[in-house]
């Protein structure tokens, strides 16, 4: 399952399956979220926009079971006042191959390449 599909499903539990349990996520606010509970709280705010996420991996450099990605992303949604909101950025992400062959985020910096 890709990131866009997981995000656009609106299911926070589904998006959390893309992260290791002790992953770190740095949002635009600059307040690092560590672990599932803190990451879940960030996604609640983003899901409140009822938006559509689009992302495109710019590059992926793999070494053994670790990979570094740069991803261009955009989120278009609606705020509580009914206004259209567009948020975009260039993320830097580190993912790790799991024993089942899937990949999960261990570090996600949503604006790390801006």
N, C-alpha and C. Protein backbone atom coordinates (compact mmCIF):
# COMPACT_ATOMS: atom_id res chain seq x y z
N UNK A 1 0.85 -1.18 0.00
CA UNK A 1 0.00 0.00 0.00
C UNK A 1 0.89 1.23 0.00
N UNK A 2 0.63 2.15 -0.90
CA UNK A 2 1.42 3.37 -0.99
C UNK A 2 0.95 4.43 -0.01
N UNK A 3 1.80 5.43 0.18
CA UNK A 3 1.50 6.50 1.13
C UNK A 3 0.23 7.25 0.74
N UNK A 4 0.10 7.64 -0.54
CA UNK A 4 -1.08 8.39 -0.96
C UNK A 4 -2.36 7.62 -0.68
N UNK A 5 -2.39 6.35 -1.04
CA UNK A 5 -3.59 5.54 -0.82
C UNK A 5 -3.92 5.44 0.67
N UNK A 6 -2.89 5.25 1.50
CA UNK A 6 -3.12 5.16 2.94
C UNK A 6 -3.66 6.48 3.48
N UNK A 7 -3.03 7.59 3.09
CA UNK A 7 -3.48 8.89 3.57
C UNK A 7 -4.89 9.20 3.08
N UNK A 8 -5.12 9.01 1.80
CA UNK A 8 -6.41 9.37 1.20
C UNK A 8 -7.55 8.48 1.67
N UNK A 9 -7.23 7.36 2.31
CA UNK A 9 -8.28 6.51 2.88
C UNK A 9 -8.94 7.18 4.08
N UNK A 10 -8.21 8.13 4.71
CA UNK A 10 -8.73 8.78 5.91
C UNK A 10 -8.61 7.93 7.16
N UNK A 11 -7.95 6.79 7.07
CA UNK A 11 -7.83 5.84 8.18
C UNK A 11 -6.46 6.03 8.85
N UNK A 12 -6.48 6.62 10.03
CA UNK A 12 -5.23 6.89 10.74
C UNK A 12 -4.48 5.59 11.04
N UNK A 13 -5.20 4.55 11.43
CA UNK A 13 -4.53 3.28 11.73
C UNK A 13 -3.81 2.75 10.51
N UNK A 14 -4.40 2.93 9.34
CA UNK A 14 -3.78 2.46 8.11
C UNK A 14 -2.48 3.22 7.83
N UNK A 15 -2.50 4.53 8.00
CA UNK A 15 -1.29 5.32 7.76
C UNK A 15 -0.20 4.94 8.77
N UNK A 16 -0.59 4.62 10.00
CA UNK A 16 0.40 4.25 11.02
C UNK A 16 1.09 2.93 10.69
N UNK A 17 0.48 2.08 9.89
CA UNK A 17 1.13 0.83 9.51
C UNK A 17 2.34 1.07 8.62
N UNK A 18 2.48 2.29 8.09
CA UNK A 18 3.62 2.63 7.25
C UNK A 18 4.83 3.07 8.08
N UNK A 19 4.68 3.21 9.39
CA UNK A 19 5.73 3.68 10.28
C UNK A 19 6.11 2.58 11.27
N UNK A 20 7.41 2.51 11.61
CA UNK A 20 7.82 1.65 12.71
C UNK A 20 7.27 2.24 14.00
N UNK A 21 7.12 1.42 15.02
CA UNK A 21 6.47 1.86 16.26
C UNK A 21 7.19 3.01 16.95
N UNK A 22 8.50 3.12 16.75
CA UNK A 22 9.26 4.20 17.40
C UNK A 22 9.77 5.23 16.38
N UNK A 23 9.08 5.34 15.26
CA UNK A 23 9.48 6.27 14.20
C UNK A 23 9.43 7.71 14.69
N UNK A 24 10.12 8.57 13.93
CA UNK A 24 10.14 10.00 14.22
C UNK A 24 9.61 10.76 13.01
N UNK A 25 8.72 11.71 13.26
CA UNK A 25 8.12 12.52 12.20
C UNK A 25 8.28 13.99 12.56
N UNK A 26 8.94 14.73 11.67
CA UNK A 26 9.14 16.17 11.88
C UNK A 26 8.19 16.92 10.94
N UNK A 27 7.13 17.54 11.48
CA UNK A 27 6.20 18.31 10.65
C UNK A 27 6.69 19.75 10.48
N UNK A 28 5.93 20.53 9.76
CA UNK A 28 6.31 21.93 9.51
C UNK A 28 6.35 22.76 10.79
N UNK A 29 5.64 22.34 11.83
CA UNK A 29 5.65 23.09 13.09
C UNK A 29 7.01 23.04 13.77
N UNK A 30 7.84 22.04 13.41
CA UNK A 30 9.14 21.90 14.02
C UNK A 30 9.13 21.13 15.33
N UNK A 31 7.95 20.63 15.75
CA UNK A 31 7.86 19.84 16.98
C UNK A 31 7.90 18.36 16.62
N UNK A 32 9.01 17.72 16.93
CA UNK A 32 9.23 16.32 16.58
C UNK A 32 8.21 15.42 17.25
N UNK A 33 7.59 14.55 16.47
CA UNK A 33 6.67 13.53 16.99
C UNK A 33 7.42 12.21 17.01
N UNK A 34 7.41 11.55 18.16
CA UNK A 34 8.12 10.28 18.32
C UNK A 34 7.13 9.20 18.73
N UNK A 35 7.09 8.13 17.95
CA UNK A 35 6.23 7.01 18.28
C UNK A 35 4.81 7.16 17.77
N UNK A 36 4.10 6.06 17.81
CA UNK A 36 2.76 5.98 17.21
C UNK A 36 1.77 6.99 17.78
N UNK A 37 1.76 7.19 19.10
CA UNK A 37 0.77 8.09 19.69
C UNK A 37 0.95 9.53 19.22
N UNK A 38 2.20 10.00 19.21
CA UNK A 38 2.46 11.38 18.78
C UNK A 38 2.24 11.55 17.27
N UNK A 39 2.61 10.54 16.51
CA UNK A 39 2.39 10.60 15.05
C UNK A 39 0.89 10.57 14.75
N UNK A 40 0.15 9.76 15.48
CA UNK A 40 -1.31 9.71 15.31
C UNK A 40 -1.93 11.08 15.55
N UNK A 41 -1.47 11.80 16.57
CA UNK A 41 -2.01 13.13 16.89
C UNK A 41 -1.77 14.10 15.73
N UNK A 42 -0.59 14.05 15.10
CA UNK A 42 -0.32 14.92 13.95
C UNK A 42 -1.26 14.60 12.79
N UNK A 43 -1.44 13.34 12.52
CA UNK A 43 -2.30 12.96 11.40
C UNK A 43 -3.76 13.33 11.66
N UNK A 44 -4.20 13.34 12.90
CA UNK A 44 -5.57 13.79 13.19
C UNK A 44 -5.79 15.20 12.66
N UNK A 45 -4.81 16.08 12.89
CA UNK A 45 -4.92 17.46 12.40
C UNK A 45 -4.94 17.50 10.88
N UNK A 46 -4.07 16.73 10.24
CA UNK A 46 -4.01 16.73 8.77
C UNK A 46 -5.26 16.10 8.17
N UNK A 47 -5.77 15.04 8.79
CA UNK A 47 -6.98 14.39 8.28
C UNK A 47 -8.21 15.28 8.44
N UNK A 48 -8.17 16.21 9.41
CA UNK A 48 -9.30 17.12 9.61
C UNK A 48 -9.53 17.99 8.37
N UNK A 49 -8.51 18.16 7.53
CA UNK A 49 -8.66 18.94 6.29
C UNK A 49 -9.45 18.20 5.22
N UNK A 50 -9.70 16.91 5.46
CA UNK A 50 -10.43 16.07 4.50
C UNK A 50 -9.88 16.28 3.09
N UNK A 51 -8.57 16.23 3.02
CA UNK A 51 -7.88 16.54 1.77
C UNK A 51 -7.45 15.32 0.99
N UNK A 52 -6.84 15.62 -0.13
CA UNK A 52 -6.28 14.60 -1.01
C UNK A 52 -4.77 14.82 -1.07
N UNK A 53 -4.04 13.78 -0.77
CA UNK A 53 -2.58 13.81 -0.79
C UNK A 53 -2.09 13.27 -2.13
N UNK A 54 -1.09 13.95 -2.67
CA UNK A 54 -0.39 13.44 -3.85
C UNK A 54 1.10 13.55 -3.56
N UNK A 55 1.82 12.47 -3.77
CA UNK A 55 3.26 12.50 -3.55
C UNK A 55 3.97 11.77 -4.67
N UNK A 56 5.20 12.22 -4.91
CA UNK A 56 6.00 11.61 -5.96
C UNK A 56 7.44 11.51 -5.45
N UNK A 57 7.96 10.30 -5.43
CA UNK A 57 9.33 10.09 -5.00
C UNK A 57 10.27 10.64 -6.06
N UNK A 58 11.16 11.54 -5.66
CA UNK A 58 12.13 12.14 -6.56
C UNK A 58 13.36 11.25 -6.72
N UNK A 59 13.78 10.63 -5.62
CA UNK A 59 14.85 9.64 -5.69
C UNK A 59 14.79 8.73 -4.49
N UNK A 60 15.42 7.57 -4.63
CA UNK A 60 15.52 6.59 -3.57
C UNK A 60 16.92 5.99 -3.65
N UNK A 61 17.68 6.10 -2.56
CA UNK A 61 19.01 5.52 -2.50
C UNK A 61 18.96 4.42 -1.44
N UNK A 62 19.18 3.20 -1.89
CA UNK A 62 19.06 2.05 -1.00
C UNK A 62 20.43 1.50 -0.64
N UNK A 63 20.59 1.11 0.62
CA UNK A 63 21.80 0.44 1.10
C UNK A 63 21.36 -0.63 2.08
N UNK A 64 21.55 -1.87 1.67
CA UNK A 64 21.11 -3.02 2.47
C UNK A 64 19.61 -2.88 2.75
N UNK A 65 19.23 -2.77 4.01
CA UNK A 65 17.81 -2.72 4.38
C UNK A 65 17.34 -1.33 4.76
N UNK A 66 18.11 -0.30 4.39
CA UNK A 66 17.77 1.09 4.67
C UNK A 66 17.71 1.84 3.35
N UNK A 67 16.80 2.80 3.23
CA UNK A 67 16.74 3.63 2.03
C UNK A 67 16.46 5.07 2.43
N UNK A 68 17.05 5.99 1.65
CA UNK A 68 16.83 7.42 1.81
C UNK A 68 16.01 7.89 0.62
N UNK A 69 14.91 8.60 0.91
CA UNK A 69 14.03 9.08 -0.15
C UNK A 69 13.89 10.59 -0.08
N UNK A 70 13.67 11.18 -1.22
CA UNK A 70 13.23 12.57 -1.30
C UNK A 70 11.89 12.53 -2.04
N UNK A 71 10.88 13.13 -1.43
CA UNK A 71 9.53 13.05 -1.97
C UNK A 71 8.92 14.44 -2.07
N UNK A 72 8.39 14.77 -3.23
CA UNK A 72 7.64 16.01 -3.44
C UNK A 72 6.17 15.66 -3.16
N UNK A 73 5.53 16.46 -2.30
CA UNK A 73 4.15 16.15 -1.92
C UNK A 73 3.27 17.41 -1.88
N UNK A 74 1.98 17.18 -2.00
CA UNK A 74 1.01 18.26 -1.85
C UNK A 74 -0.27 17.69 -1.24
N UNK A 75 -0.91 18.52 -0.44
CA UNK A 75 -2.17 18.16 0.21
C UNK A 75 -3.15 19.30 -0.05
N UNK A 76 -4.27 18.97 -0.67
CA UNK A 76 -5.31 19.96 -0.93
C UNK A 76 -6.55 19.55 -0.15
N UNK A 77 -7.01 20.46 0.72
CA UNK A 77 -8.16 20.16 1.55
C UNK A 77 -8.97 21.40 1.85
N UNK A 78 -9.79 21.32 2.89
CA UNK A 78 -10.69 22.40 3.28
C UNK A 78 -10.57 22.63 4.78
N UNK A 79 -10.37 23.89 5.18
CA UNK A 79 -10.27 24.18 6.61
C UNK A 79 -11.67 24.25 7.23
N UNK A 80 -11.72 24.53 8.53
CA UNK A 80 -13.00 24.54 9.26
C UNK A 80 -13.94 25.62 8.79
N UNK A 81 -13.40 26.66 8.14
CA UNK A 81 -14.24 27.75 7.63
C UNK A 81 -14.68 27.52 6.18
N UNK A 82 -14.31 26.37 5.62
CA UNK A 82 -14.70 26.05 4.26
C UNK A 82 -13.77 26.58 3.19
N UNK A 83 -12.63 27.13 3.59
CA UNK A 83 -11.66 27.65 2.64
C UNK A 83 -10.74 26.54 2.15
N UNK A 84 -10.39 26.59 0.89
CA UNK A 84 -9.44 25.63 0.33
C UNK A 84 -8.05 25.88 0.90
N UNK A 85 -7.40 24.82 1.28
CA UNK A 85 -6.05 24.87 1.84
C UNK A 85 -5.16 23.98 0.98
N UNK A 86 -4.03 24.51 0.56
CA UNK A 86 -3.05 23.72 -0.17
C UNK A 86 -1.73 23.81 0.59
N UNK A 87 -1.21 22.66 0.96
CA UNK A 87 0.06 22.56 1.67
C UNK A 87 0.96 21.69 0.80
N UNK A 88 2.20 22.10 0.64
CA UNK A 88 3.10 21.28 -0.16
C UNK A 88 4.51 21.38 0.38
N UNK A 89 5.33 20.44 -0.03
CA UNK A 89 6.71 20.46 0.42
C UNK A 89 7.53 19.37 -0.23
N UNK A 90 8.78 19.32 0.17
CA UNK A 90 9.71 18.30 -0.28
C UNK A 90 10.25 17.61 0.97
N UNK A 91 9.91 16.35 1.11
CA UNK A 91 10.28 15.59 2.30
C UNK A 91 11.56 14.79 2.08
N UNK A 92 12.24 14.56 3.18
CA UNK A 92 13.34 13.61 3.23
C UNK A 92 12.88 12.51 4.19
N UNK A 93 13.01 11.27 3.76
CA UNK A 93 12.53 10.14 4.56
C UNK A 93 13.56 9.03 4.58
N UNK A 94 13.61 8.34 5.70
CA UNK A 94 14.45 7.15 5.84
C UNK A 94 13.50 6.00 6.15
N UNK A 95 13.62 4.94 5.35
CA UNK A 95 12.75 3.78 5.54
C UNK A 95 13.62 2.53 5.75
N UNK A 96 13.01 1.52 6.39
CA UNK A 96 13.74 0.28 6.65
C UNK A 96 12.90 -0.90 6.16
N UNK A 97 13.60 -1.84 5.50
CA UNK A 97 12.93 -3.07 5.04
C UNK A 97 12.60 -3.92 6.27
N UNK A 98 11.38 -4.40 6.31
CA UNK A 98 10.92 -5.25 7.39
C UNK A 98 11.16 -6.72 7.03
N UNK A 99 11.10 -7.61 8.02
CA UNK A 99 11.33 -9.04 7.74
C UNK A 99 10.39 -9.61 6.66
N UNK A 100 9.19 -9.03 6.53
CA UNK A 100 8.25 -9.52 5.51
C UNK A 100 8.49 -8.91 4.14
N UNK A 101 9.53 -8.06 4.01
CA UNK A 101 9.87 -7.44 2.73
C UNK A 101 9.25 -6.07 2.52
N UNK A 102 8.30 -5.67 3.36
CA UNK A 102 7.70 -4.34 3.24
C UNK A 102 8.69 -3.29 3.78
N UNK A 103 8.38 -2.04 3.54
CA UNK A 103 9.22 -0.93 4.02
C UNK A 103 8.40 -0.06 4.95
N UNK A 104 9.02 0.42 6.02
CA UNK A 104 8.36 1.32 6.96
C UNK A 104 9.25 2.52 7.24
N UNK A 105 8.60 3.66 7.47
CA UNK A 105 9.32 4.87 7.81
C UNK A 105 9.94 4.75 9.19
N UNK A 106 11.19 5.19 9.31
CA UNK A 106 11.80 5.32 10.63
C UNK A 106 12.05 6.80 10.93
N UNK A 107 12.29 7.60 9.88
CA UNK A 107 12.40 9.05 10.01
C UNK A 107 11.67 9.68 8.84
N UNK A 108 10.80 10.62 9.13
CA UNK A 108 10.01 11.33 8.11
C UNK A 108 10.08 12.81 8.42
N UNK A 109 10.78 13.55 7.58
CA UNK A 109 10.90 15.01 7.76
C UNK A 109 10.12 15.65 6.62
N UNK A 110 8.91 16.09 6.91
CA UNK A 110 7.98 16.51 5.86
C UNK A 110 8.48 17.69 5.02
N UNK A 111 9.35 18.52 5.57
CA UNK A 111 9.90 19.65 4.81
C UNK A 111 11.42 19.62 4.78
N UNK A 112 12.00 18.46 4.97
CA UNK A 112 13.43 18.30 5.09
C UNK A 112 14.24 18.69 3.86
N UNK A 113 13.61 18.72 2.69
CA UNK A 113 14.33 19.07 1.45
C UNK A 113 13.93 20.44 0.93
N UNK A 114 13.13 21.18 1.69
CA UNK A 114 12.72 22.52 1.26
C UNK A 114 13.83 23.52 1.46
